[in-house]
mmCIF file of all heavy atoms, coordinates in Angstrom:
data_MODEL
# 
_entry.id   MODEL 
# 
loop_
_atom_site.group_PDB 
_atom_site.id 
_atom_site.type_symbol 
_atom_site.label_atom_id 
_atom_site.label_alt_id 
_atom_site.label_comp_id 
_atom_site.label_asym_id 
_atom_site.label_entity_id 
_atom_site.label_seq_id 
_atom_site.pdbx_PDB_ins_code 
_atom_site.Cartn_x 
_atom_site.Cartn_y 
_atom_site.Cartn_z 
_atom_site.occupancy 
_atom_site.B_iso_or_equiv 
_atom_site.pdbx_formal_charge 
_atom_site.auth_seq_id 
_atom_site.auth_comp_id 
_atom_site.auth_asym_id 
_atom_site.auth_atom_id 
_atom_site.pdbx_PDB_model_num 
ATOM 1   N N   . TYR A 1 1  ? -10.891 -12.865 -2.714  1.00 0.00 ? 1  TYR A N   1 
ATOM 2   C CA  . TYR A 1 1  ? -9.912  -13.154 -3.762  1.00 0.00 ? 1  TYR A CA  1 
ATOM 3   C C   . TYR A 1 1  ? -8.866  -14.185 -3.325  1.00 0.00 ? 1  TYR A C   1 
ATOM 4   O O   . TYR A 1 1  ? -8.072  -14.628 -4.150  1.00 0.00 ? 1  TYR A O   1 
ATOM 5   C CB  . TYR A 1 1  ? -9.190  -11.869 -4.177  1.00 0.00 ? 1  TYR A CB  1 
ATOM 6   C CG  . TYR A 1 1  ? -10.114 -10.772 -4.620  1.00 0.00 ? 1  TYR A CG  1 
ATOM 7   C CD1 . TYR A 1 1  ? -10.119 -9.532  -3.977  1.00 0.00 ? 1  TYR A CD1 1 
ATOM 8   C CD2 . TYR A 1 1  ? -10.991 -10.953 -5.676  1.00 0.00 ? 1  TYR A CD2 1 
ATOM 9   C CE1 . TYR A 1 1  ? -10.960 -8.513  -4.386  1.00 0.00 ? 1  TYR A CE1 1 
ATOM 10  C CE2 . TYR A 1 1  ? -11.844 -9.937  -6.080  1.00 0.00 ? 1  TYR A CE2 1 
ATOM 11  C CZ  . TYR A 1 1  ? -11.826 -8.725  -5.429  1.00 0.00 ? 1  TYR A CZ  1 
ATOM 12  O OH  . TYR A 1 1  ? -12.665 -7.721  -5.829  1.00 0.00 ? 1  TYR A OH  1 
ATOM 13  N N   . LEU A 1 2  ? -8.856  -14.538 -2.046  1.00 0.00 ? 2  LEU A N   1 
ATOM 14  C CA  . LEU A 1 2  ? -7.840  -15.432 -1.536  1.00 0.00 ? 2  LEU A CA  1 
ATOM 15  C C   . LEU A 1 2  ? -8.209  -16.893 -1.746  1.00 0.00 ? 2  LEU A C   1 
ATOM 16  O O   . LEU A 1 2  ? -9.388  -17.256 -1.719  1.00 0.00 ? 2  LEU A O   1 
ATOM 17  C CB  . LEU A 1 2  ? -7.609  -15.188 -0.040  1.00 0.00 ? 2  LEU A CB  1 
ATOM 18  C CG  . LEU A 1 2  ? -7.072  -13.812 0.357   1.00 0.00 ? 2  LEU A CG  1 
ATOM 19  C CD1 . LEU A 1 2  ? -6.885  -13.740 1.863   1.00 0.00 ? 2  LEU A CD1 1 
ATOM 20  C CD2 . LEU A 1 2  ? -5.776  -13.491 -0.355  1.00 0.00 ? 2  LEU A CD2 1 
ATOM 21  N N   . ARG A 1 3  ? -7.176  -17.719 -1.924  1.00 0.00 ? 3  ARG A N   1 
ATOM 22  C CA  . ARG A 1 3  ? -7.376  -19.158 -1.990  1.00 0.00 ? 3  ARG A CA  1 
ATOM 23  C C   . ARG A 1 3  ? -7.323  -19.734 -0.571  1.00 0.00 ? 3  ARG A C   1 
ATOM 24  O O   . ARG A 1 3  ? -6.910  -19.053 0.373   1.00 0.00 ? 3  ARG A O   1 
ATOM 25  C CB  . ARG A 1 3  ? -6.275  -19.803 -2.838  1.00 0.00 ? 3  ARG A CB  1 
ATOM 26  C CG  . ARG A 1 3  ? -6.153  -19.234 -4.241  1.00 0.00 ? 3  ARG A CG  1 
ATOM 27  C CD  . ARG A 1 3  ? -4.810  -19.594 -4.865  1.00 0.00 ? 3  ARG A CD  1 
ATOM 28  N NE  . ARG A 1 3  ? -3.697  -19.053 -4.075  1.00 0.00 ? 3  ARG A NE  1 
ATOM 29  C CZ  . ARG A 1 3  ? -2.411  -19.181 -4.401  1.00 0.00 ? 3  ARG A CZ  1 
ATOM 30  N NH1 . ARG A 1 3  ? -2.079  -19.833 -5.493  1.00 0.00 ? 3  ARG A NH1 1 
ATOM 31  N NH2 . ARG A 1 3  ? -1.478  -18.669 -3.634  1.00 0.00 ? 3  ARG A NH2 1 
ATOM 32  N N   . GLU A 1 4  ? -7.710  -20.987 -0.433  1.00 0.00 ? 4  GLU A N   1 
ATOM 33  C CA  . GLU A 1 4  ? -7.675  -21.620 0.874   1.00 0.00 ? 4  GLU A CA  1 
ATOM 34  C C   . GLU A 1 4  ? -6.246  -21.726 1.407   1.00 0.00 ? 4  GLU A C   1 
ATOM 35  O O   . GLU A 1 4  ? -6.037  -21.775 2.622   1.00 0.00 ? 4  GLU A O   1 
ATOM 36  C CB  . GLU A 1 4  ? -8.297  -23.021 0.803   1.00 0.00 ? 4  GLU A CB  1 
ATOM 37  C CG  . GLU A 1 4  ? -9.811  -23.011 0.598   1.00 0.00 ? 4  GLU A CG  1 
ATOM 38  C CD  . GLU A 1 4  ? -10.393 -24.410 0.671   1.00 0.00 ? 4  GLU A CD  1 
ATOM 39  O OE1 . GLU A 1 4  ? -9.607  -25.366 0.838   1.00 0.00 ? 4  GLU A OE1 1 
ATOM 40  O OE2 . GLU A 1 4  ? -11.618 -24.532 0.559   1.00 0.00 ? 4  GLU A OE2 1 
ATOM 41  N N   . THR A 1 5  ? -5.273  -21.781 0.509   1.00 0.00 ? 5  THR A N   1 
ATOM 42  C CA  . THR A 1 5  ? -3.881  -21.917 0.938   1.00 0.00 ? 5  THR A CA  1 
ATOM 43  C C   . THR A 1 5  ? -3.229  -20.579 1.279   1.00 0.00 ? 5  THR A C   1 
ATOM 44  O O   . THR A 1 5  ? -2.129  -20.565 1.840   1.00 0.00 ? 5  THR A O   1 
ATOM 45  C CB  . THR A 1 5  ? -3.062  -22.588 -0.174  1.00 0.00 ? 5  THR A CB  1 
ATOM 46  O OG1 . THR A 1 5  ? -3.224  -21.869 -1.397  1.00 0.00 ? 5  THR A OG1 1 
ATOM 47  C CG2 . THR A 1 5  ? -3.499  -24.031 -0.364  1.00 0.00 ? 5  THR A CG2 1 
ATOM 48  N N   . ASP A 1 6  ? -3.866  -19.459 0.917   1.00 0.00 ? 6  ASP A N   1 
ATOM 49  C CA  . ASP A 1 6  ? -3.316  -18.144 1.245   1.00 0.00 ? 6  ASP A CA  1 
ATOM 50  C C   . ASP A 1 6  ? -3.547  -17.852 2.724   1.00 0.00 ? 6  ASP A C   1 
ATOM 51  O O   . ASP A 1 6  ? -4.530  -18.306 3.321   1.00 0.00 ? 6  ASP A O   1 
ATOM 52  C CB  . ASP A 1 6  ? -3.957  -17.060 0.388   1.00 0.00 ? 6  ASP A CB  1 
ATOM 53  C CG  . ASP A 1 6  ? -3.672  -17.241 -1.095  1.00 0.00 ? 6  ASP A CG  1 
ATOM 54  O OD1 . ASP A 1 6  ? -2.630  -17.842 -1.416  1.00 0.00 ? 6  ASP A OD1 1 
ATOM 55  O OD2 . ASP A 1 6  ? -4.495  -16.812 -1.922  1.00 0.00 ? 6  ASP A OD2 1 
ATOM 56  N N   . ILE A 1 7  ? -2.645  -17.092 3.312   1.00 0.00 ? 7  ILE A N   1 
ATOM 57  C CA  . ILE A 1 7  ? -2.677  -16.840 4.757   1.00 0.00 ? 7  ILE A CA  1 
ATOM 58  C C   . ILE A 1 7  ? -2.644  -15.340 4.998   1.00 0.00 ? 7  ILE A C   1 
ATOM 59  O O   . ILE A 1 7  ? -1.811  -14.624 4.424   1.00 0.00 ? 7  ILE A O   1 
ATOM 60  C CB  . ILE A 1 7  ? -1.480  -17.510 5.449   1.00 0.00 ? 7  ILE A CB  1 
ATOM 61  C CG1 . ILE A 1 7  ? -1.493  -19.026 5.172   1.00 0.00 ? 7  ILE A CG1 1 
ATOM 62  C CG2 . ILE A 1 7  ? -1.497  -17.242 6.942   1.00 0.00 ? 7  ILE A CG2 1 
ATOM 63  C CD1 . ILE A 1 7  ? -0.176  -19.700 5.487   1.00 0.00 ? 7  ILE A CD1 1 
ATOM 64  N N   . ILE A 1 8  ? -3.529  -14.861 5.862   1.00 0.00 ? 8  ILE A N   1 
ATOM 65  C CA  . ILE A 1 8  ? -3.598  -13.432 6.156   1.00 0.00 ? 8  ILE A CA  1 
ATOM 66  C C   . ILE A 1 8  ? -3.573  -13.228 7.664   1.00 0.00 ? 8  ILE A C   1 
ATOM 67  O O   . ILE A 1 8  ? -4.177  -13.993 8.426   1.00 0.00 ? 8  ILE A O   1 
ATOM 68  C CB  . ILE A 1 8  ? -4.864  -12.798 5.527   1.00 0.00 ? 8  ILE A CB  1 
ATOM 69  C CG1 . ILE A 1 8  ? -4.904  -11.290 5.805   1.00 0.00 ? 8  ILE A CG1 1 
ATOM 70  C CG2 . ILE A 1 8  ? -6.129  -13.484 6.014   1.00 0.00 ? 8  ILE A CG2 1 
ATOM 71  C CD1 . ILE A 1 8  ? -5.964  -10.575 5.004   1.00 0.00 ? 8  ILE A CD1 1 
ATOM 72  N N   . GLY A 1 9  ? -2.834  -12.217 8.117   1.00 0.00 ? 9  GLY A N   1 
ATOM 73  C CA  . GLY A 1 9  ? -2.739  -11.984 9.553   1.00 0.00 ? 9  GLY A CA  1 
ATOM 74  C C   . GLY A 1 9  ? -2.087  -10.666 9.876   1.00 0.00 ? 9  GLY A C   1 
ATOM 75  O O   . GLY A 1 9  ? -1.636  -9.922  8.999   1.00 0.00 ? 9  GLY A O   1 
ATOM 76  N N   . TYR A 1 10 ? -2.040  -10.350 11.176  1.00 0.00 ? 10 TYR A N   1 
ATOM 77  C CA  . TYR A 1 10 ? -1.422  -9.114  11.650  1.00 0.00 ? 10 TYR A CA  1 
ATOM 78  C C   . TYR A 1 10 ? 0.100   -9.203  11.587  1.00 0.00 ? 10 TYR A C   1 
ATOM 79  O O   . TYR A 1 10 ? 0.689   -10.235 11.910  1.00 0.00 ? 10 TYR A O   1 
ATOM 80  C CB  . TYR A 1 10 ? -1.829  -8.837  13.096  1.00 0.00 ? 10 TYR A CB  1 
ATOM 81  C CG  . TYR A 1 10 ? -3.238  -8.355  13.262  1.00 0.00 ? 10 TYR A CG  1 
ATOM 82  C CD1 . TYR A 1 10 ? -4.176  -9.165  13.895  1.00 0.00 ? 10 TYR A CD1 1 
ATOM 83  C CD2 . TYR A 1 10 ? -3.627  -7.103  12.804  1.00 0.00 ? 10 TYR A CD2 1 
ATOM 84  C CE1 . TYR A 1 10 ? -5.484  -8.724  14.068  1.00 0.00 ? 10 TYR A CE1 1 
ATOM 85  C CE2 . TYR A 1 10 ? -4.923  -6.662  12.962  1.00 0.00 ? 10 TYR A CE2 1 
ATOM 86  C CZ  . TYR A 1 10 ? -5.858  -7.471  13.593  1.00 0.00 ? 10 TYR A CZ  1 
ATOM 87  O OH  . TYR A 1 10 ? -7.141  -7.038  13.760  1.00 0.00 ? 10 TYR A OH  1 
ATOM 88  N N   . VAL A 1 11 ? 0.720   -8.096  11.195  1.00 0.00 ? 11 VAL A N   1 
ATOM 89  C CA  . VAL A 1 11 ? 2.169   -7.952  11.245  1.00 0.00 ? 11 VAL A CA  1 
ATOM 90  C C   . VAL A 1 11 ? 2.551   -6.881  12.252  1.00 0.00 ? 11 VAL A C   1 
ATOM 91  O O   . VAL A 1 11 ? 3.531   -6.997  12.974  1.00 0.00 ? 11 VAL A O   1 
ATOM 92  C CB  . VAL A 1 11 ? 2.733   -7.588  9.850   1.00 0.00 ? 11 VAL A CB  1 
ATOM 93  C CG1 . VAL A 1 11 ? 4.212   -7.263  9.934   1.00 0.00 ? 11 VAL A CG1 1 
ATOM 94  C CG2 . VAL A 1 11 ? 2.503   -8.729  8.872   1.00 0.00 ? 11 VAL A CG2 1 
ATOM 95  N N   . ASP A 1 12 ? 1.747   -5.826  12.325  1.00 0.00 ? 12 ASP A N   1 
ATOM 96  C CA  . ASP A 1 12 ? 1.965   -4.732  13.263  1.00 0.00 ? 12 ASP A CA  1 
ATOM 97  C C   . ASP A 1 12 ? 0.617   -4.127  13.592  1.00 0.00 ? 12 ASP A C   1 
ATOM 98  O O   . ASP A 1 12 ? -0.419  -4.578  13.087  1.00 0.00 ? 12 ASP A O   1 
ATOM 99  C CB  . ASP A 1 12 ? 2.903   -3.686  12.643  1.00 0.00 ? 12 ASP A CB  1 
ATOM 100 C CG  . ASP A 1 12 ? 3.659   -2.892  13.699  1.00 0.00 ? 12 ASP A CG  1 
ATOM 101 O OD1 . ASP A 1 12 ? 3.267   -2.952  14.881  1.00 0.00 ? 12 ASP A OD1 1 
ATOM 102 O OD2 . ASP A 1 12 ? 4.634   -2.212  13.351  1.00 0.00 ? 12 ASP A OD2 1 
ATOM 103 N N   . HIS A 1 13 ? 0.617   -3.079  14.421  1.00 0.00 ? 13 HIS A N   1 
ATOM 104 C CA  . HIS A 1 13 ? -0.660  -2.493  14.845  1.00 0.00 ? 13 HIS A CA  1 
ATOM 105 C C   . HIS A 1 13 ? -1.443  -1.902  13.681  1.00 0.00 ? 13 HIS A C   1 
ATOM 106 O O   . HIS A 1 13 ? -2.659  -1.814  13.731  1.00 0.00 ? 13 HIS A O   1 
ATOM 107 C CB  . HIS A 1 13 ? -0.421  -1.422  15.912  1.00 0.00 ? 13 HIS A CB  1 
ATOM 108 C CG  . HIS A 1 13 ? 0.295   -0.208  15.393  1.00 0.00 ? 13 HIS A CG  1 
ATOM 109 N ND1 . HIS A 1 13 ? 1.667   -0.187  15.215  1.00 0.00 ? 13 HIS A ND1 1 
ATOM 110 C CD2 . HIS A 1 13 ? -0.158  1.005   15.002  1.00 0.00 ? 13 HIS A CD2 1 
ATOM 111 C CE1 . HIS A 1 13 ? 2.019   1.002   14.746  1.00 0.00 ? 13 HIS A CE1 1 
ATOM 112 N NE2 . HIS A 1 13 ? 0.943   1.739   14.610  1.00 0.00 ? 13 HIS A NE2 1 
ATOM 113 N N   . ASN A 1 14 ? -0.760  -1.517  12.612  1.00 0.00 ? 14 ASN A N   1 
ATOM 114 C CA  . ASN A 1 14 ? -1.462  -0.976  11.445  1.00 0.00 ? 14 ASN A CA  1 
ATOM 115 C C   . ASN A 1 14 ? -0.998  -1.626  10.137  1.00 0.00 ? 14 ASN A C   1 
ATOM 116 O O   . ASN A 1 14 ? -1.106  -1.039  9.069   1.00 0.00 ? 14 ASN A O   1 
ATOM 117 C CB  . ASN A 1 14 ? -1.267  0.539   11.361  1.00 0.00 ? 14 ASN A CB  1 
ATOM 118 C CG  . ASN A 1 14 ? 0.184   0.926   11.139  1.00 0.00 ? 14 ASN A CG  1 
ATOM 119 O OD1 . ASN A 1 14 ? 1.084   0.187   11.503  1.00 0.00 ? 14 ASN A OD1 1 
ATOM 120 N ND2 . ASN A 1 14 ? 0.395   2.086   10.553  1.00 0.00 ? 14 ASN A ND2 1 
ATOM 121 N N   . VAL A 1 15 ? -0.468  -2.838  10.249  1.00 0.00 ? 15 VAL A N   1 
ATOM 122 C CA  . VAL A 1 15 ? 0.025   -3.549  9.069   1.00 0.00 ? 15 VAL A CA  1 
ATOM 123 C C   . VAL A 1 15 ? -0.555  -4.968  9.049   1.00 0.00 ? 15 VAL A C   1 
ATOM 124 O O   . VAL A 1 15 ? -0.507  -5.685  10.052  1.00 0.00 ? 15 VAL A O   1 
ATOM 125 C CB  . VAL A 1 15 ? 1.566   -3.638  9.043   1.00 0.00 ? 15 VAL A CB  1 
ATOM 126 C CG1 . VAL A 1 15 ? 2.038   -4.377  7.791   1.00 0.00 ? 15 VAL A CG1 1 
ATOM 127 C CG2 . VAL A 1 15 ? 2.188   -2.256  9.105   1.00 0.00 ? 15 VAL A CG2 1 
ATOM 128 N N   . ILE A 1 16 ? -1.091  -5.336  7.897   1.00 0.00 ? 16 ILE A N   1 
ATOM 129 C CA  . ILE A 1 16 ? -1.607  -6.688  7.682   1.00 0.00 ? 16 ILE A CA  1 
ATOM 130 C C   . ILE A 1 16 ? -0.751  -7.360  6.616   1.00 0.00 ? 16 ILE A C   1 
ATOM 131 O O   . ILE A 1 16 ? -0.370  -6.733  5.625   1.00 0.00 ? 16 ILE A O   1 
ATOM 132 C CB  . ILE A 1 16 ? -3.086  -6.647  7.242   1.00 0.00 ? 16 ILE A CB  1 
ATOM 133 C CG1 . ILE A 1 16 ? -3.962  -6.217  8.419   1.00 0.00 ? 16 ILE A CG1 1 
ATOM 134 C CG2 . ILE A 1 16 ? -3.540  -7.996  6.719   1.00 0.00 ? 16 ILE A CG2 1 
ATOM 135 C CD1 . ILE A 1 16 ? -5.400  -6.000  8.045   1.00 0.00 ? 16 ILE A CD1 1 
ATOM 136 N N   . GLY A 1 17 ? -0.441  -8.624  6.816   1.00 0.00 ? 17 GLY A N   1 
ATOM 137 C CA  . GLY A 1 17 ? 0.356   -9.373  5.862   1.00 0.00 ? 17 GLY A CA  1 
ATOM 138 C C   . GLY A 1 17 ? -0.453  -10.467 5.193   1.00 0.00 ? 17 GLY A C   1 
ATOM 139 O O   . GLY A 1 17 ? -1.380  -11.016 5.789   1.00 0.00 ? 17 GLY A O   1 
ATOM 140 N N   . VAL A 1 18 ? -0.106  -10.745 3.939   1.00 0.00 ? 18 VAL A N   1 
ATOM 141 C CA  . VAL A 1 18 ? -0.734  -11.834 3.203   1.00 0.00 ? 18 VAL A CA  1 
ATOM 142 C C   . VAL A 1 18 ? 0.367   -12.697 2.602   1.00 0.00 ? 18 VAL A C   1 
ATOM 143 O O   . VAL A 1 18 ? 1.284   -12.182 1.956   1.00 0.00 ? 18 VAL A O   1 
ATOM 144 C CB  . VAL A 1 18 ? -1.659  -11.320 2.076   1.00 0.00 ? 18 VAL A CB  1 
ATOM 145 C CG1 . VAL A 1 18 ? -2.397  -12.498 1.446   1.00 0.00 ? 18 VAL A CG1 1 
ATOM 146 C CG2 . VAL A 1 18 ? -2.640  -10.281 2.598   1.00 0.00 ? 18 VAL A CG2 1 
ATOM 147 N N   . ILE A 1 19 ? 0.284   -14.007 2.835   1.00 0.00 ? 19 ILE A N   1 
ATOM 148 C CA  . ILE A 1 19 ? 1.240   -14.958 2.290   1.00 0.00 ? 19 ILE A CA  1 
ATOM 149 C C   . ILE A 1 19 ? 0.580   -15.675 1.119   1.00 0.00 ? 19 ILE A C   1 
ATOM 150 O O   . ILE A 1 19 ? -0.499  -16.261 1.278   1.00 0.00 ? 19 ILE A O   1 
ATOM 151 C CB  . ILE A 1 19 ? 1.675   -15.986 3.348   1.00 0.00 ? 19 ILE A CB  1 
ATOM 152 C CG1 . ILE A 1 19 ? 2.272   -15.272 4.573   1.00 0.00 ? 19 ILE A CG1 1 
ATOM 153 C CG2 . ILE A 1 19 ? 2.673   -16.975 2.758   1.00 0.00 ? 19 ILE A CG2 1 
ATOM 154 C CD1 . ILE A 1 19 ? 2.516   -16.199 5.744   1.00 0.00 ? 19 ILE A CD1 1 
ATOM 155 N N   . PHE A 1 20 ? 1.221   -15.616 -0.045  1.00 0.00 ? 20 PHE A N   1 
ATOM 156 C CA  . PHE A 1 20 ? 0.711   -16.264 -1.258  1.00 0.00 ? 20 PHE A CA  1 
ATOM 157 C C   . PHE A 1 20 ? 1.656   -17.393 -1.665  1.00 0.00 ? 20 PHE A C   1 
ATOM 158 O O   . PHE A 1 20 ? 2.606   -17.162 -2.418  1.00 0.00 ? 20 PHE A O   1 
ATOM 159 C CB  . PHE A 1 20 ? 0.601   -15.265 -2.408  1.00 0.00 ? 20 PHE A CB  1 
ATOM 160 C CG  . PHE A 1 20 ? -0.366  -14.145 -2.191  1.00 0.00 ? 20 PHE A CG  1 
ATOM 161 C CD1 . PHE A 1 20 ? 0.066   -12.922 -1.698  1.00 0.00 ? 20 PHE A CD1 1 
ATOM 162 C CD2 . PHE A 1 20 ? -1.707  -14.300 -2.505  1.00 0.00 ? 20 PHE A CD2 1 
ATOM 163 C CE1 . PHE A 1 20 ? -0.826  -11.875 -1.511  1.00 0.00 ? 20 PHE A CE1 1 
ATOM 164 C CE2 . PHE A 1 20 ? -2.612  -13.258 -2.326  1.00 0.00 ? 20 PHE A CE2 1 
ATOM 165 C CZ  . PHE A 1 20 ? -2.170  -12.044 -1.824  1.00 0.00 ? 20 PHE A CZ  1 
ATOM 166 N N   . PRO A 1 21 ? 1.430   -18.633 -1.180  1.00 0.00 ? 21 PRO A N   1 
ATOM 167 C CA  . PRO A 1 21 ? 2.306   -19.739 -1.592  1.00 0.00 ? 21 PRO A CA  1 
ATOM 168 C C   . PRO A 1 21 ? 2.128   -20.045 -3.087  1.00 0.00 ? 21 PRO A C   1 
ATOM 169 O O   . PRO A 1 21 ? 1.051   -19.862 -3.655  1.00 0.00 ? 21 PRO A O   1 
ATOM 170 C CB  . PRO A 1 21 ? 1.816   -20.923 -0.742  1.00 0.00 ? 21 PRO A CB  1 
ATOM 171 C CG  . PRO A 1 21 ? 1.042   -20.299 0.385   1.00 0.00 ? 21 PRO A CG  1 
ATOM 172 C CD  . PRO A 1 21 ? 0.435   -19.052 -0.189  1.00 0.00 ? 21 PRO A CD  1 
ATOM 173 N N   . HIS A 1 22 ? 3.211   -20.502 -3.719  1.00 0.00 ? 22 HIS A N   1 
ATOM 174 C CA  . HIS A 1 22 ? 3.198   -20.894 -5.131  1.00 0.00 ? 22 HIS A CA  1 
ATOM 175 C C   . HIS A 1 22 ? 2.629   -19.776 -6.017  1.00 0.00 ? 22 HIS A C   1 
ATOM 176 O O   . HIS A 1 22 ? 1.877   -20.016 -6.952  1.00 0.00 ? 22 HIS A O   1 
ATOM 177 C CB  . HIS A 1 22 ? 2.377   -22.171 -5.329  1.00 0.00 ? 22 HIS A CB  1 
ATOM 178 C CG  . HIS A 1 22 ? 2.967   -23.371 -4.664  1.00 0.00 ? 22 HIS A CG  1 
ATOM 179 N ND1 . HIS A 1 22 ? 3.869   -24.198 -5.291  1.00 0.00 ? 22 HIS A ND1 1 
ATOM 180 C CD2 . HIS A 1 22 ? 2.798   -23.858 -3.415  1.00 0.00 ? 22 HIS A CD2 1 
ATOM 181 C CE1 . HIS A 1 22 ? 4.233   -25.171 -4.445  1.00 0.00 ? 22 HIS A CE1 1 
ATOM 182 N NE2 . HIS A 1 22 ? 3.597   -24.984 -3.307  1.00 0.00 ? 22 HIS A NE2 1 
ATOM 183 N N   . THR A 1 23 ? 2.998   -18.551 -5.721  1.00 0.00 ? 23 THR A N   1 
ATOM 184 C CA  . THR A 1 23 ? 2.476   -17.398 -6.459  1.00 0.00 ? 23 THR A CA  1 
ATOM 185 C C   . THR A 1 23 ? 3.599   -16.429 -6.792  1.00 0.00 ? 23 THR A C   1 
ATOM 186 O O   . THR A 1 23 ? 4.401   -16.084 -5.921  1.00 0.00 ? 23 THR A O   1 
ATOM 187 C CB  . THR A 1 23 ? 1.407   -16.653 -5.626  1.00 0.00 ? 23 THR A CB  1 
ATOM 188 O OG1 . THR A 1 23 ? 0.400   -17.579 -5.220  1.00 0.00 ? 23 THR A OG1 1 
ATOM 189 C CG2 . THR A 1 23 ? 0.760   -15.537 -6.433  1.00 0.00 ? 23 THR A CG2 1 
ATOM 190 N N   . THR A 1 24 ? 3.647   -15.982 -8.027  1.00 0.00 ? 24 THR A N   1 
ATOM 191 C CA  . THR A 1 24 ? 4.625   -14.975 -8.427  1.00 0.00 ? 24 THR A CA  1 
ATOM 192 C C   . THR A 1 24 ? 4.179   -13.611 -7.936  1.00 0.00 ? 24 THR A C   1 
ATOM 193 O O   . THR A 1 24 ? 3.026   -13.417 -7.527  1.00 0.00 ? 24 THR A O   1 
ATOM 194 C CB  . THR A 1 24 ? 4.777   -14.931 -9.952  1.00 0.00 ? 24 THR A CB  1 
ATOM 195 O OG1 . THR A 1 24 ? 3.514   -14.548 -10.525 1.00 0.00 ? 24 THR A OG1 1 
ATOM 196 C CG2 . THR A 1 24 ? 5.194   -16.290 -10.505 1.00 0.00 ? 24 THR A CG2 1 
ATOM 197 N N   . GLN A 1 25 ? 5.082   -12.654 -7.994  1.00 0.00 ? 25 GLN A N   1 
ATOM 198 C CA  . GLN A 1 25 ? 4.723   -11.312 -7.555  1.00 0.00 ? 25 GLN A CA  1 
ATOM 199 C C   . GLN A 1 25 ? 3.611   -10.734 -8.424  1.00 0.00 ? 25 GLN A C   1 
ATOM 200 O O   . GLN A 1 25 ? 2.710   -10.060 -7.917  1.00 0.00 ? 25 GLN A O   1 
ATOM 201 C CB  . GLN A 1 25 ? 5.945   -10.390 -7.585  1.00 0.00 ? 25 GLN A CB  1 
ATOM 202 C CG  . GLN A 1 25 ? 5.620   -9.005  -7.016  1.00 0.00 ? 25 GLN A CG  1 
ATOM 203 C CD  . GLN A 1 25 ? 6.846   -8.143  -6.892  1.00 0.00 ? 25 GLN A CD  1 
ATOM 204 O OE1 . GLN A 1 25 ? 7.867   -8.426  -7.502  1.00 0.00 ? 25 GLN A OE1 1 
ATOM 205 N NE2 . GLN A 1 25 ? 6.761   -7.077  -6.114  1.00 0.00 ? 25 GLN A NE2 1 
ATOM 206 N N   . LYS A 1 26 ? 3.657   -11.014 -9.709  1.00 0.00 ? 26 LYS A N   1 
ATOM 207 C CA  . LYS A 1 26 ? 2.626   -10.494 -10.606 1.00 0.00 ? 26 LYS A CA  1 
ATOM 208 C C   . LYS A 1 26 ? 1.244   -11.002 -10.199 1.00 0.00 ? 26 LYS A C   1 
ATOM 209 O O   . LYS A 1 26 ? 0.268   -10.240 -10.161 1.00 0.00 ? 26 LYS A O   1 
ATOM 210 C CB  . LYS A 1 26 ? 2.931   -10.898 -12.049 1.00 0.00 ? 26 LYS A CB  1 
ATOM 211 C CG  . LYS A 1 26 ? 1.940   -10.337 -13.067 1.00 0.00 ? 26 LYS A CG  1 
ATOM 212 C CD  . LYS A 1 26 ? 2.332   -10.724 -14.492 1.00 0.00 ? 26 LYS A CD  1 
ATOM 213 C CE  . LYS A 1 26 ? 1.338   -10.162 -15.502 1.00 0.00 ? 26 LYS A CE  1 
ATOM 214 N NZ  . LYS A 1 26 ? 1.700   -10.544 -16.891 1.00 0.00 ? 26 LYS A NZ  1 
ATOM 215 N N   . GLY A 1 27 ? 1.160   -12.285 -9.862  1.00 0.00 ? 27 GLY A N   1 
ATOM 216 C CA  . GLY A 1 27 ? -0.122  -12.852 -9.456  1.00 0.00 ? 27 GLY A CA  1 
ATOM 217 C C   . GLY A 1 27 ? -0.631  -12.230 -8.167  1.00 0.00 ? 27 GLY A C   1 
ATOM 218 O O   . GLY A 1 27 ? -1.824  -11.935 -8.035  1.00 0.00 ? 27 GLY A O   1 
# 
């Protein structure tokens, strides 16, 4: 479901983060 510009990575030992540039919270 991610676009090429979206970024996913580790934040903590059991937490993953996803960065959605140019995206509202609803999206």
